[in-house]
């Protein structure tokens, strides 16, 4: 019998609610609050969500395409890639998900996995029953709107990827991906946009950018030679953000993040 989530040799276990709060639900709430206004009651409702923790090794498929699923997958640690696999076995990564992301939030309204999910590093996830998320959205319309906007962020990122794959050259594609990951990690409190961990291998970058591994490596070396980036251990350091973002034609508005005005106040995307 096949299960909806395939944790090969993974450590599935119940989780103390304090652990869930610390490592999963608080970052998810923080992600929602970057674009939505929620009351303290709604904060508490999200933090009281129940789930179970599961772990997957690098390169393991967490979800296989074509499955009906009953749980949403919230990333606690690691990186997960959404992928489409073609007949010859090659994969196109269509999204990258970081800690604090629910990488299949759309399953709340459409509980079928039309694309797969692969652990691109050693990964820990919190599996939240879809019925709980549906009930939460039904009781709290503002949370439903926040969920909706969160899936809009995913759609916006996907549209930008399509644009870069269709019209961008290798240098621009890679520069844009680095800028995107830097800003997303900064927003999630995981790093800064100019110093962040290299969380995925060049093979996965190649699958995301529609390039060969050789081409990715050559392009990465080109950015290093030009003094735009360098590596220090497992960290990527951006030495010239302005030039890198110019090459990428990077505009962070597609991430639908709150933008601060000159007074330092932050306007949310969705007023309440």
Protein backbone atom coordinates (compact mmCIF):
# COMPACT_ATOMS: atom_id res chain seq x y z
CA UNK A 1 0.00 0.00 0.00
CA UNK A 2 1.37 3.40 -0.97
CA UNK A 3 1.18 6.37 1.36
CA UNK A 4 0.61 9.94 0.24
CA UNK A 5 3.91 11.02 1.80
CA UNK A 6 6.93 8.87 1.01
CA UNK A 7 9.49 9.21 3.79
CA UNK A 8 12.01 6.51 2.94
CA UNK A 9 13.74 5.65 6.17
CA UNK A 10 12.43 8.88 7.61
CA UNK A 11 11.86 9.48 11.27
CA UNK A 12 8.14 10.13 11.71
CA UNK A 13 7.07 11.05 15.19
CA UNK A 14 4.58 12.96 17.25
CA UNK A 15 5.68 16.43 18.23
CA UNK A 16 5.34 18.38 21.46
CA UNK A 17 3.34 21.51 20.75
CA UNK A 18 6.15 23.76 22.04
CA UNK A 19 8.55 22.26 19.49
CA UNK A 20 6.01 22.79 16.71
CA UNK A 21 5.59 26.43 17.78
CA UNK A 22 9.32 27.10 17.84
CA UNK A 23 10.40 25.43 14.64
CA UNK A 24 7.41 25.53 12.30
CA UNK A 25 4.26 27.46 13.09
CA UNK A 26 5.88 30.72 14.21
CA UNK A 27 7.89 31.09 10.96
CA UNK A 28 4.73 30.26 8.98
CA UNK A 29 2.76 32.91 10.85
CA UNK A 30 5.58 35.40 10.28
CA UNK A 31 5.42 34.62 6.55
CA UNK A 32 1.67 35.34 6.49
CA UNK A 33 2.16 38.57 8.43
CA UNK A 34 4.58 39.86 5.80
CA UNK A 35 1.62 40.41 3.50
CA UNK A 36 -1.52 40.18 5.69
CA UNK A 37 -2.96 41.77 8.81
CA UNK A 38 -4.21 39.28 11.39
CA UNK A 39 -5.63 39.80 14.88
CA UNK A 40 -4.14 38.31 18.04
CA UNK A 41 -6.99 35.79 18.07
CA UNK A 42 -6.05 34.74 14.54
CA UNK A 43 -2.37 34.51 15.54
CA UNK A 44 -3.33 32.11 18.32
CA UNK A 45 -5.54 30.04 16.02
CA UNK A 46 -2.64 29.49 13.60
CA UNK A 47 -0.19 28.68 16.39
CA UNK A 48 -2.63 26.09 17.77
CA UNK A 49 -2.63 24.04 14.56
CA UNK A 50 -1.77 20.39 15.17
CA UNK A 51 0.53 18.26 13.06
CA UNK A 52 3.18 15.59 13.10
CA UNK A 53 6.86 15.91 12.30
CA UNK A 54 8.57 13.84 9.61
CA UNK A 55 12.11 13.84 8.26
CA UNK A 56 13.39 13.03 4.78
CA UNK A 57 16.89 12.51 3.42
CA UNK A 58 18.34 14.58 0.59
CA UNK A 59 17.00 13.72 -2.89
CA UNK A 60 14.05 11.81 -1.48
CA UNK A 61 10.61 12.42 -2.99
CA UNK A 62 8.35 13.65 -0.21
CA UNK A 63 5.29 13.67 -2.47
CA UNK A 64 4.85 11.83 -5.76
CA UNK A 65 2.72 13.42 -8.48
CA UNK A 66 -0.74 12.03 -9.08
CA UNK A 67 -1.54 11.35 -5.43
CA UNK A 68 -4.59 12.48 -3.50
CA UNK A 69 -3.27 14.00 -0.29
CA UNK A 70 -4.77 14.79 3.10
CA UNK A 71 -1.95 16.82 4.71
CA UNK A 72 -0.22 20.09 3.90
CA UNK A 73 3.56 20.10 4.15
CA UNK A 74 5.13 22.93 6.22
CA UNK A 75 8.91 23.09 6.01
CA UNK A 76 10.68 23.25 9.36
CA UNK A 77 14.26 22.80 8.11
CA UNK A 78 15.80 22.28 4.69
CA UNK A 79 14.77 23.08 1.13
CA UNK A 80 12.05 21.41 -0.92
CA UNK A 81 11.73 21.59 -4.70
CA UNK A 82 8.44 21.26 -6.55
CA UNK A 83 9.07 19.39 -9.78
CA UNK A 84 7.54 18.05 -12.96
CA UNK A 85 9.07 14.85 -14.32
CA UNK A 86 8.97 14.14 -18.03
CA UNK A 87 8.92 10.75 -19.73
CA UNK A 88 12.70 10.40 -20.07
CA UNK A 89 13.17 10.85 -16.31
CA UNK A 90 14.48 14.42 -16.38
CA UNK A 91 12.98 16.87 -13.93
CA UNK A 92 12.15 20.54 -14.14
CA UNK A 93 12.10 22.23 -10.74
CA UNK A 94 9.20 24.69 -10.80
CA UNK A 95 9.52 26.17 -7.29
CA UNK A 96 11.88 26.27 -4.32
CA UNK A 97 10.41 26.26 -0.81
CA UNK A 98 12.23 27.40 2.33
CA UNK A 99 11.57 27.01 6.07
CA UNK A 100 8.27 28.67 7.00
CA UNK A 101 6.66 27.80 3.64
CA UNK A 102 3.75 25.42 3.21
CA UNK A 103 4.82 24.02 -0.12
CA UNK A 104 1.37 22.70 -1.08
CA UNK A 105 -1.04 25.19 0.49
CA UNK A 106 -3.17 24.92 -2.67
CA UNK A 107 -4.10 21.41 -1.46
CA UNK A 108 -6.56 23.06 0.95
CA UNK A 109 -8.84 23.64 -2.05
CA UNK A 110 -7.46 21.03 -4.48
CA UNK A 111 -6.07 18.00 -2.61
CA UNK A 112 -4.31 16.37 -5.54
CA UNK A 113 -0.55 16.45 -6.09
CA UNK A 114 -0.20 17.22 -9.80
CA UNK A 115 3.49 17.96 -9.22
CA UNK A 116 6.00 16.18 -6.98
CA UNK A 117 7.97 17.47 -4.00
CA UNK A 118 11.63 16.53 -3.53
CA UNK A 119 13.86 17.14 -0.51
CA UNK A 120 16.83 19.06 -1.94
CA UNK A 121 18.61 18.81 1.40
CA UNK A 122 18.05 16.88 4.61
CA UNK A 123 14.56 18.12 5.41
CA UNK A 124 12.17 18.24 8.35
CA UNK A 125 8.50 18.99 7.71
CA UNK A 126 5.33 19.39 9.75
CA UNK A 127 2.36 17.55 8.23
CA UNK A 128 -0.85 19.49 8.95
CA UNK A 129 -4.23 17.88 8.19
CA UNK A 130 -5.99 19.69 5.35
CA UNK A 131 -9.27 19.45 7.25
CA UNK A 132 -7.73 21.59 10.02
CA UNK A 133 -6.62 24.26 7.56
CA UNK A 134 -10.06 24.28 5.90
CA UNK A 135 -11.79 24.63 9.25
CA UNK A 136 -9.46 27.46 10.23
CA UNK A 137 -10.17 29.31 6.98
CA UNK A 138 -13.93 28.81 7.40
CA UNK A 139 -13.93 30.24 10.93
CA UNK A 140 -11.52 33.12 10.23
CA UNK A 141 -12.08 34.89 6.87
CA UNK A 142 -8.91 36.96 7.35
CA UNK A 143 -6.86 33.76 7.60
CA UNK A 144 -8.57 32.44 4.46
CA UNK A 145 -7.55 35.66 2.70
CA UNK A 146 -3.99 35.29 4.02
CA UNK A 147 -3.84 31.72 2.66
CA UNK A 148 -5.17 32.96 -0.67
CA UNK A 149 -2.56 35.70 -0.84
CA UNK A 150 0.18 33.23 0.08
CA UNK A 151 -0.72 31.07 -2.92
CA UNK A 152 -0.72 34.27 -4.98
CA UNK A 153 2.90 34.81 -3.92
CA UNK A 154 3.71 31.32 -5.24
CA UNK A 155 1.93 32.11 -8.51
CA UNK A 156 3.80 35.40 -8.84
CA UNK A 157 7.17 33.68 -8.32
CA UNK A 158 6.21 31.01 -10.86
CA UNK A 159 5.28 33.67 -13.43
CA UNK A 160 8.63 35.39 -12.92
CA UNK A 161 10.45 32.08 -13.41
CA UNK A 162 8.58 31.48 -16.67
CA UNK A 163 9.58 34.94 -17.87
CA UNK A 164 13.25 34.37 -17.02
CA UNK A 165 13.30 30.89 -18.57
CA UNK A 166 11.64 32.14 -21.73
CA UNK A 167 13.53 35.40 -22.27
CA UNK A 168 16.54 35.53 -19.96
CA UNK A 169 20.09 34.40 -20.71
CA UNK A 170 21.99 32.09 -18.36
CA UNK A 171 23.73 34.94 -16.55
CA UNK A 172 20.48 36.80 -15.94
CA UNK A 173 18.64 33.65 -14.82
CA UNK A 174 21.29 32.71 -12.28
CA UNK A 175 21.65 36.27 -11.00
CA UNK A 176 17.88 36.51 -10.55
CA UNK A 177 17.68 33.21 -8.67
CA UNK A 178 20.47 34.31 -6.32
CA UNK A 179 18.75 37.64 -5.70
CA UNK A 180 15.42 35.93 -5.10
CA UNK A 181 16.84 33.41 -2.64
CA UNK A 182 18.77 36.12 -0.81
CA UNK A 183 15.71 38.32 -0.35
CA UNK A 184 13.44 35.42 0.60
CA UNK A 185 15.92 34.17 3.21
CA UNK A 186 16.30 37.70 4.55
CA UNK A 187 12.53 38.10 4.82
CA UNK A 188 12.29 34.75 6.62
CA UNK A 189 15.00 35.77 9.10
CA UNK A 190 17.29 32.98 7.91
CA UNK A 191 20.12 35.15 6.53
CA UNK A 192 20.73 38.44 4.72
CA UNK A 193 20.43 39.06 1.01
CA UNK A 194 24.19 39.57 0.75
CA UNK A 195 25.21 36.55 2.84
CA UNK A 196 23.14 33.39 2.77
CA UNK A 197 23.71 29.62 2.77
CA UNK A 198 24.13 27.73 -0.48
CA UNK A 199 21.30 25.34 0.31
CA UNK A 200 21.04 23.52 -3.02
CA UNK A 201 23.58 21.92 -5.33
CA UNK A 202 24.43 23.07 -8.85
CA UNK A 203 22.51 20.08 -10.24
CA UNK A 204 19.31 21.40 -8.65
CA UNK A 205 20.08 24.93 -9.84
CA UNK A 206 20.43 23.49 -13.34
CA UNK A 207 17.03 21.78 -13.03
CA UNK A 208 15.48 25.06 -11.88
CA UNK A 209 17.04 27.23 -14.60
CA UNK A 210 16.74 24.84 -17.54
CA UNK A 211 20.52 24.69 -17.98
CA UNK A 212 23.18 22.00 -17.92
CA UNK A 213 25.32 21.59 -14.80
CA UNK A 214 28.36 22.63 -16.86
CA UNK A 215 26.59 25.81 -17.98
CA UNK A 216 25.58 26.64 -14.39
CA UNK A 217 29.15 26.13 -13.19
CA UNK A 218 30.56 28.29 -15.97
CA UNK A 219 28.05 31.06 -15.27
CA UNK A 220 28.73 30.91 -11.53
CA UNK A 221 32.46 31.28 -12.19
CA UNK A 222 31.74 34.26 -14.45
CA UNK A 223 29.85 36.03 -11.67
CA UNK A 224 32.74 35.32 -9.29
CA UNK A 225 35.38 36.64 -11.72
CA UNK A 226 33.42 39.85 -12.12
CA UNK A 227 33.49 40.40 -8.37
CA UNK A 228 29.74 40.04 -7.91
CA UNK A 229 29.69 36.98 -5.67
CA UNK A 230 32.04 34.62 -3.87
CA UNK A 231 31.75 31.54 -1.70
CA UNK A 232 32.96 31.08 1.84
CA UNK A 233 32.40 27.52 2.95
CA UNK A 234 28.71 26.82 2.42
CA UNK A 235 27.84 30.53 2.29
CA UNK A 236 27.25 32.70 -0.78
CA UNK A 237 28.47 36.28 -0.33
CA UNK A 238 27.16 38.97 -2.65
CA UNK A 239 29.88 41.61 -2.90
CA UNK A 240 28.03 43.90 -5.31
CA UNK A 241 24.28 43.65 -4.83
CA UNK A 242 23.55 46.62 -7.08
CA UNK A 243 25.35 45.14 -10.08
CA UNK A 244 23.99 41.63 -9.48
CA UNK A 245 20.41 42.88 -9.21
CA UNK A 246 20.91 45.02 -12.33
CA UNK A 247 22.08 42.01 -14.34
CA UNK A 248 19.10 40.07 -12.99
CA UNK A 249 16.65 42.94 -13.65
CA UNK A 250 15.50 42.10 -10.14
CA UNK A 251 12.48 43.87 -8.68
CA UNK A 252 11.37 42.35 -5.35
CA UNK A 253 7.76 43.50 -5.78
CA UNK A 254 6.92 40.15 -7.42
CA UNK A 255 7.44 38.58 -3.97
CA UNK A 256 4.51 40.71 -2.71
CA UNK A 257 6.42 41.70 0.42
CA UNK A 258 5.54 44.73 2.49
CA UNK A 259 7.41 47.85 1.38
CA UNK A 260 8.53 50.37 4.00
CA UNK A 261 8.04 54.07 3.36
CA UNK A 262 10.45 56.81 4.39
CA UNK A 263 9.04 56.89 7.94
CA UNK A 264 9.86 53.22 8.41
CA UNK A 265 6.21 52.22 8.60
CA UNK A 266 5.28 49.13 6.64
CA UNK A 267 2.19 48.89 4.47
CA UNK A 268 0.67 45.43 4.07
CA UNK A 269 -0.55 44.28 0.70
CA UNK A 270 -4.02 43.51 2.04
CA UNK A 271 -5.72 46.14 4.18
CA UNK A 272 -8.23 44.96 6.74
